[in-house]
Amino acid sequence: MNIWVNEQIDPSGLIHACIASCNESQAKDCHESFKTNLTNSQKAEGWIAKLRVVKSWDDVPVNALKLD
């Protein structure tokens, strides 16, 4: 099973937002939203929106909103 993990990460590596889902389409839409919602100043400071795939819910950060 693929679990799609969306994260908004600050320059120090701290996750500020995280949503996990088994639905690829929903995850990609969320990723686009995460990227769009970063301001130009956040991007300049090094903030990133990251989309990654994991195989187990154990690999999803504990603070994530989990959509099944």
PDB file of N, CA and C in Angstrom:
ATOM      1  N   MET A   1       0.849  -1.183   0.000  1.00  0.00           N
ATOM      2  CA  MET A   1       0.000   0.000   0.000  1.00  0.00           C
ATOM      3  C   MET A   1       0.887   1.236   0.000  1.00  0.00           C
ATOM      4  N   ASN A   2       0.565   2.191  -0.868  1.00  0.00           N
ATOM      5  CA  ASN A   2       1.260   3.479  -0.884  1.00  0.00           C
ATOM      6  C   ASN A   2       0.511   4.481  -0.027  1.00  0.00           C
ATOM      7  N   ILE A   3       1.246   5.196   0.786  1.00  0.00           N
ATOM      8  CA  ILE A   3       0.702   6.292   1.587  1.00  0.00           C
ATOM      9  C   ILE A   3       1.453   7.541   1.168  1.00  0.00           C
ATOM     10  N   TRP A   4       0.722   8.528   0.714  1.00  0.00           N
ATOM     11  CA  TRP A   4       1.301   9.778   0.232  1.00  0.00           C
ATOM     12  C   TRP A   4       1.353  10.765   1.389  1.00  0.00           C
ATOM     13  N   VAL A   5       2.547  11.303   1.643  1.00  0.00           N
ATOM     14  CA  VAL A   5       2.765  12.215   2.773  1.00  0.00           C
ATOM     15  C   VAL A   5       3.143  13.593   2.236  1.00  0.00           C
ATOM     16  N   ASN A   6       2.331  14.579   2.567  1.00  0.00           N
ATOM     17  CA  ASN A   6       2.587  15.978   2.204  1.00  0.00           C
ATOM     18  C   ASN A   6       3.104  16.709   3.429  1.00  0.00           C
ATOM     19  N   GLU A   7       4.180  17.459   3.247  1.00  0.00           N
ATOM     20  CA  GLU A   7       4.758  18.188   4.365  1.00  0.00           C
ATOM     21  C   GLU A   7       5.145  19.600   3.929  1.00  0.00           C
ATOM     22  N   GLN A   8       4.920  20.562   4.813  1.00  0.00           N
ATOM     23  CA  GLN A   8       5.464  21.911   4.661  1.00  0.00           C
ATOM     24  C   GLN A   8       6.548  22.028   5.719  1.00  0.00           C
ATOM     25  N   ILE A   9       7.779  22.274   5.254  1.00  0.00           N
ATOM     26  CA  ILE A   9       8.940  22.216   6.141  1.00  0.00           C
ATOM     27  C   ILE A   9       9.667  23.558   6.132  1.00  0.00           C
ATOM     28  N   ASP A  10      10.006  24.046   7.334  1.00  0.00           N
ATOM     29  CA  ASP A  10      10.731  25.314   7.425  1.00  0.00           C
ATOM     30  C   ASP A  10      12.226  25.085   7.217  1.00  0.00           C
ATOM     31  N   PRO A  11      13.006  26.159   7.135  1.00  0.00           N
ATOM     32  CA  PRO A  11      14.440  26.024   6.845  1.00  0.00           C
ATOM     33  C   PRO A  11      15.219  25.194   7.875  1.00  0.00           C
ATOM     34  N   SER A  12      14.732  25.098   9.090  1.00  0.00           N
ATOM     35  CA  SER A  12      15.435  24.314  10.111  1.00  0.00           C
ATOM     36  C   SER A  12      15.042  22.837  10.080  1.00  0.00           C
ATOM     37  N   GLY A  13      14.076  22.481   9.204  1.00  0.00           N
ATOM     38  CA  GLY A  13      13.649  21.091   9.089  1.00  0.00           C
ATOM     39  C   GLY A  13      12.414  20.745   9.895  1.00  0.00           C
ATOM     40  N   LEU A  14      11.823  21.731  10.556  1.00  0.00           N
ATOM     41  CA  LEU A  14      10.616  21.515  11.356  1.00  0.00           C
ATOM     42  C   LEU A  14       9.397  21.425  10.451  1.00  0.00           C
ATOM     43  N   ILE A  15       8.587  20.388  10.643  1.00  0.00           N
ATOM     44  CA  ILE A  15       7.367  20.213   9.853  1.00  0.00           C
ATOM     45  C   ILE A  15       6.268  21.076  10.465  1.00  0.00           C
ATOM     46  N   HIS A  16       5.694  21.969   9.653  1.00  0.00           N
ATOM     47  CA  HIS A  16       4.633  22.851  10.135  1.00  0.00           C
ATOM     48  C   HIS A  16       3.254  22.357   9.747  1.00  0.00           C
ATOM     49  N   ALA A  17       3.160  21.590   8.673  1.00  0.00           N
ATOM     50  CA  ALA A  17       1.891  21.011   8.242  1.00  0.00           C
ATOM     51  C   ALA A  17       2.193  19.660   7.625  1.00  0.00           C
ATOM     52  N   CYS A  18       1.332  18.683   7.911  1.00  0.00           N
ATOM     53  CA  CYS A  18       1.543  17.345   7.363  1.00  0.00           C
ATOM     54  C   CYS A  18       0.192  16.662   7.191  1.00  0.00           C
ATOM     55  N   ILE A  19      -0.064  16.186   5.982  1.00  0.00           N
ATOM     56  CA  ILE A  19      -1.280  15.446   5.676  1.00  0.00           C
ATOM     57  C   ILE A  19      -0.882  14.170   4.945  1.00  0.00           C
ATOM     58  N   ALA A  20      -1.420  13.044   5.390  1.00  0.00           N
ATOM     59  CA  ALA A  20      -1.130  11.753   4.769  1.00  0.00           C
ATOM     60  C   ALA A  20      -2.419  11.142   4.235  1.00  0.00           C
ATOM     61  N   SER A  21      -2.302  10.510   3.065  1.00  0.00           N
ATOM     62  CA  SER A  21      -3.479   9.937   2.420  1.00  0.00           C
ATOM     63  C   SER A  21      -3.096   8.736   1.562  1.00  0.00           C
ATOM     64  N   CYS A  22      -4.029   7.818   1.406  1.00  0.00           N
ATOM     65  CA  CYS A  22      -3.834   6.674   0.505  1.00  0.00           C
ATOM     66  C   CYS A  22      -4.291   7.003  -0.908  1.00  0.00           C
ATOM     67  N   ASN A  23      -4.908   8.145  -1.094  1.00  0.00           N
ATOM     68  CA  ASN A  23      -5.447   8.545  -2.391  1.00  0.00           C
ATOM     69  C   ASN A  23      -4.427   9.427  -3.114  1.00  0.00           C
ATOM     70  N   GLU A  24      -3.849   8.915  -4.198  1.00  0.00           N
ATOM     71  CA  GLU A  24      -2.795   9.633  -4.914  1.00  0.00           C
ATOM     72  C   GLU A  24      -3.276  10.972  -5.476  1.00  0.00           C
ATOM     73  N   SER A  25      -4.442  10.982  -6.075  1.00  0.00           N
ATOM     74  CA  SER A  25      -4.978  12.217  -6.663  1.00  0.00           C
ATOM     75  C   SER A  25      -5.184  13.289  -5.599  1.00  0.00           C
ATOM     76  N   GLN A  26      -5.764  12.896  -4.487  1.00  0.00           N
ATOM     77  CA  GLN A  26      -5.997  13.820  -3.376  1.00  0.00           C
ATOM     78  C   GLN A  26      -4.662  14.342  -2.840  1.00  0.00           C
ATOM     79  N   ALA A  27      -3.678  13.463  -2.747  1.00  0.00           N
ATOM     80  CA  ALA A  27      -2.368  13.855  -2.231  1.00  0.00           C
ATOM     81  C   ALA A  27      -1.687  14.853  -3.158  1.00  0.00           C
ATOM     82  N   LYS A  28      -1.786  14.625  -4.464  1.00  0.00           N
ATOM     83  CA  LYS A  28      -1.161  15.546  -5.414  1.00  0.00           C
ATOM     84  C   LYS A  28      -1.847  16.910  -5.392  1.00  0.00           C
ATOM     85  N   ASP A  29      -3.173  16.932  -5.239  1.00  0.00           N
ATOM     86  CA  ASP A  29      -3.897  18.203  -5.105  1.00  0.00           C
ATOM     87  C   ASP A  29      -3.452  18.939  -3.844  1.00  0.00           C
ATOM     88  N   CYS A  30      -3.299  18.196  -2.761  1.00  0.00           N
ATOM     89  CA  CYS A  30      -2.852  18.790  -1.500  1.00  0.00           C
ATOM     90  C   CYS A  30      -1.445  19.358  -1.653  1.00  0.00           C
ATOM     91  N   HIS A  31      -0.576  18.630  -2.341  1.00  0.00           N
ATOM     92  CA  HIS A  31       0.799  19.097  -2.546  1.00  0.00           C
ATOM     93  C   HIS A  31       0.826  20.419  -3.314  1.00  0.00           C
ATOM     94  N   GLU A  32       0.011  20.503  -4.361  1.00  0.00           N
ATOM     95  CA  GLU A  32      -0.066  21.753  -5.124  1.00  0.00           C
ATOM     96  C   GLU A  32      -0.534  22.890  -4.229  1.00  0.00           C
ATOM     97  N   SER A  33      -1.500  22.616  -3.359  1.00  0.00           N
ATOM     98  CA  SER A  33      -1.985  23.631  -2.420  1.00  0.00           C
ATOM     99  C   SER A  33      -0.887  24.049  -1.447  1.00  0.00           C
ATOM    100  N   PHE A  34      -0.141  23.072  -0.930  1.00  0.00           N
ATOM    101  CA  PHE A  34       0.961  23.390  -0.017  1.00  0.00           C
ATOM    102  C   PHE A  34       1.981  24.288  -0.708  1.00  0.00           C
ATOM    103  N   LYS A  35       2.337  23.966  -1.958  1.00  0.00           N
ATOM    104  CA  LYS A  35       3.315  24.780  -2.693  1.00  0.00           C
ATOM    105  C   LYS A  35       2.775  26.182  -2.944  1.00  0.00           C
ATOM    106  N   THR A  36       1.519  26.270  -3.358  1.00  0.00           N
ATOM    107  CA  THR A  36       0.904  27.562  -3.675  1.00  0.00           C
ATOM    108  C   THR A  36       0.790  28.454  -2.442  1.00  0.00           C
ATOM    109  N   ASN A  37       0.565  27.850  -1.286  1.00  0.00           N
ATOM    110  CA  ASN A  37       0.359  28.629  -0.058  1.00  0.00           C
ATOM    111  C   ASN A  37       1.649  29.140   0.568  1.00  0.00           C
ATOM    112  N   LEU A  38       2.795  28.689   0.067  1.00  0.00           N
ATOM    113  CA  LEU A  38       4.054  29.259   0.563  1.00  0.00           C
ATOM    114  C   LEU A  38       4.232  30.655  -0.033  1.00  0.00           C
ATOM    115  N   THR A  39       4.516  31.617   0.813  1.00  0.00           N
ATOM    116  CA  THR A  39       4.732  32.979   0.325  1.00  0.00           C
ATOM    117  C   THR A  39       6.111  33.078  -0.321  1.00  0.00           C
ATOM    118  N   ASN A  40       6.315  34.132  -1.090  1.00  0.00           N
ATOM    119  CA  ASN A  40       7.629  34.349  -1.707  1.00  0.00           C
ATOM    120  C   ASN A  40       8.720  34.498  -0.654  1.00  0.00           C
ATOM    121  N   SER A  41       8.398  35.154   0.460  1.00  0.00           N
ATOM    122  CA  SER A  41       9.412  35.309   1.508  1.00  0.00           C
ATOM    123  C   SER A  41       9.727  33.969   2.178  1.00  0.00           C
ATOM    124  N   GLN A  42       8.722  33.113   2.362  1.00  0.00           N
ATOM    125  CA  GLN A  42       8.990  31.785   2.913  1.00  0.00           C
ATOM    126  C   GLN A  42       9.892  30.987   1.973  1.00  0.00           C
ATOM    127  N   LYS A  43       9.589  31.040   0.679  1.00  0.00           N
ATOM    128  CA  LYS A  43      10.414  30.325  -0.305  1.00  0.00           C
ATOM    129  C   LYS A  43      11.849  30.846  -0.273  1.00  0.00           C
ATOM    130  N   ALA A  44      12.005  32.160  -0.172  1.00  0.00           N
ATOM    131  CA  ALA A  44      13.338  32.760  -0.126  1.00  0.00           C
ATOM    132  C   ALA A  44      14.099  32.334   1.129  1.00  0.00           C
ATOM    133  N   GLU A  45      13.370  32.112   2.230  1.00  0.00           N
ATOM    134  CA  GLU A  45      13.991  31.683   3.477  1.00  0.00           C
ATOM    135  C   GLU A  45      14.357  30.204   3.460  1.00  0.00           C
ATOM    136  N   GLY A  46      13.790  29.440   2.507  1.00  0.00           N
ATOM    137  CA  GLY A  46      14.126  28.025   2.412  1.00  0.00           C
ATOM    138  C   GLY A  46      13.014  27.060   2.769  1.00  0.00           C
ATOM    139  N   TRP A  47      11.798  27.572   2.949  1.00  0.00           N
ATOM    140  CA  TRP A  47      10.660  26.683   3.194  1.00  0.00           C
ATOM    141  C   TRP A  47      10.425  25.824   1.956  1.00  0.00           C
ATOM    142  N   ILE A  48       9.971  24.575   2.172  1.00  0.00           N
ATOM    143  CA  ILE A  48       9.655  23.703   1.046  1.00  0.00           C
ATOM    144  C   ILE A  48       8.340  22.958   1.291  1.00  0.00           C
ATOM    145  N   ALA A  49       7.703  22.576   0.203  1.00  0.00           N
ATOM    146  CA  ALA A  49       6.565  21.662   0.240  1.00  0.00           C
ATOM    147  C   ALA A  49       7.079  20.356  -0.337  1.00  0.00           C
ATOM    148  N   LYS A  50       6.928  19.282   0.423  1.00  0.00           N
ATOM    149  CA  LYS A  50       7.503  17.997   0.029  1.00  0.00           C
ATOM    150  C   LYS A  50       6.400  16.946  -0.050  1.00  0.00           C
ATOM    151  N   LEU A  51       6.422  16.156  -1.108  1.00  0.00           N
ATOM    152  CA  LEU A  51       5.506  15.028  -1.271  1.00  0.00           C
ATOM    153  C   LEU A  51       6.355  13.770  -1.357  1.00  0.00           C
ATOM    154  N   ARG A  52       6.070  12.823  -0.496  1.00  0.00           N
ATOM    155  CA  ARG A  52       6.827  11.571  -0.520  1.00  0.00           C
ATOM    156  C   ARG A  52       5.870  10.403  -0.313  1.00  0.00           C
ATOM    157  N   VAL A  53       6.337   9.225  -0.666  1.00  0.00           N
ATOM    158  CA  VAL A  53       5.530   8.013  -0.544  1.00  0.00           C
ATOM    159  C   VAL A  53       6.191   7.068   0.448  1.00  0.00           C
ATOM    160  N   VAL A  54       5.389   6.545   1.371  1.00  0.00           N
ATOM    161  CA  VAL A  54       5.856   5.545   2.324  1.00  0.00           C
ATOM    162  C   VAL A  54       4.957   4.311   2.201  1.00  0.00           C
ATOM    163  N   LYS A  55       5.371   3.224   2.757  1.00  0.00           N
ATOM    164  CA  LYS A  55       4.633   1.960   2.644  1.00  0.00           C
ATOM    165  C   LYS A  55       3.859   1.591   3.906  1.00  0.00           C
ATOM    166  N   SER A  56       4.107   2.279   5.012  1.00  0.00           N
ATOM    167  CA  SER A  56       3.477   1.926   6.283  1.00  0.00           C
ATOM    168  C   SER A  56       3.054   3.184   7.037  1.00  0.00           C
ATOM    169  N   TRP A  57       1.942   3.080   7.752  1.00  0.00           N
ATOM    170  CA  TRP A  57       1.508   4.212   8.575  1.00  0.00           C
ATOM    171  C   TRP A  57       2.530   4.498   9.671  1.00  0.00           C
ATOM    172  N   ASP A  58       3.362   3.533  10.002  1.00  0.00           N
ATOM    173  CA  ASP A  58       4.418   3.746  11.002  1.00  0.00           C
ATOM    174  C   ASP A  58       5.456   4.748  10.516  1.00  0.00           C
ATOM    175  N   ASP A  59       5.544   4.951   9.205  1.00  0.00           N
ATOM    176  CA  ASP A  59       6.517   5.879   8.627  1.00  0.00           C
ATOM    177  C   ASP A  59       5.963   7.287   8.428  1.00  0.00           C
ATOM    178  N   VAL A  60       4.712   7.504   8.844  1.00  0.00           N
ATOM    179  CA  VAL A  60       4.068   8.811   8.737  1.00  0.00           C
ATOM    180  C   VAL A  60       4.311   9.563  10.044  1.00  0.00           C
ATOM    181  N   PRO A  61       4.726  10.840   9.982  1.00  0.00           N
ATOM    182  CA  PRO A  61       4.930  11.605  11.220  1.00  0.00           C
ATOM    183  C   PRO A  61       3.690  11.575  12.113  1.00  0.00           C
ATOM    184  N   VAL A  62       3.916  11.506  13.408  1.00  0.00           N
ATOM    185  CA  VAL A  62       2.803  11.361  14.357  1.00  0.00           C
ATOM    186  C   VAL A  62       1.854  12.559  14.347  1.00  0.00           C
ATOM    187  N   ASN A  63       2.329  13.715  13.966  1.00  0.00           N
ATOM    188  CA  ASN A  63       1.483  14.917  13.982  1.00  0.00           C
ATOM    189  C   ASN A  63       0.679  15.088  12.702  1.00  0.00           C
ATOM    190  N   ALA A  64       0.727  14.126  11.793  1.00  0.00           N
ATOM    191  CA  ALA A  64       0.049  14.253  10.509  1.00  0.00           C
ATOM    192  C   ALA A  64      -1.453  14.080  10.645  1.00  0.00           C
ATOM    193  N   LEU A  65      -2.181  14.810   9.817  1.00  0.00           N
ATOM    194  CA  LEU A  65      -3.607  14.557   9.635  1.00  0.00           C
ATOM    195  C   LEU A  65      -3.665  13.353   8.705  1.00  0.00           C
ATOM    196  N   LYS A  66      -4.271  12.273   9.151  1.00  0.00           N
ATOM    197  CA  LYS A  66      -4.278  11.036   8.388  1.00  0.00           C
ATOM    198  C   LYS A  66      -5.648  10.834   7.741  1.00  0.00           C
ATOM    199  N   LEU A  67      -5.664  10.836   6.412  1.00  0.00           N
ATOM    200  CA  LEU A  67      -6.888  10.622   5.649  1.00  0.00           C
ATOM    201  C   LEU A  67      -6.828   9.237   5.040  1.00  0.00           C
ATOM    202  N   ASP A  68      -7.795   8.414   5.348  1.00  0.00           N
ATOM    203  CA  ASP A  68      -7.781   7.041   4.843  1.00  0.00           C
ATOM    204  C   ASP A  68      -8.873   6.824   3.819  1.00  0.00           C
TER     205      ASP A  68
END
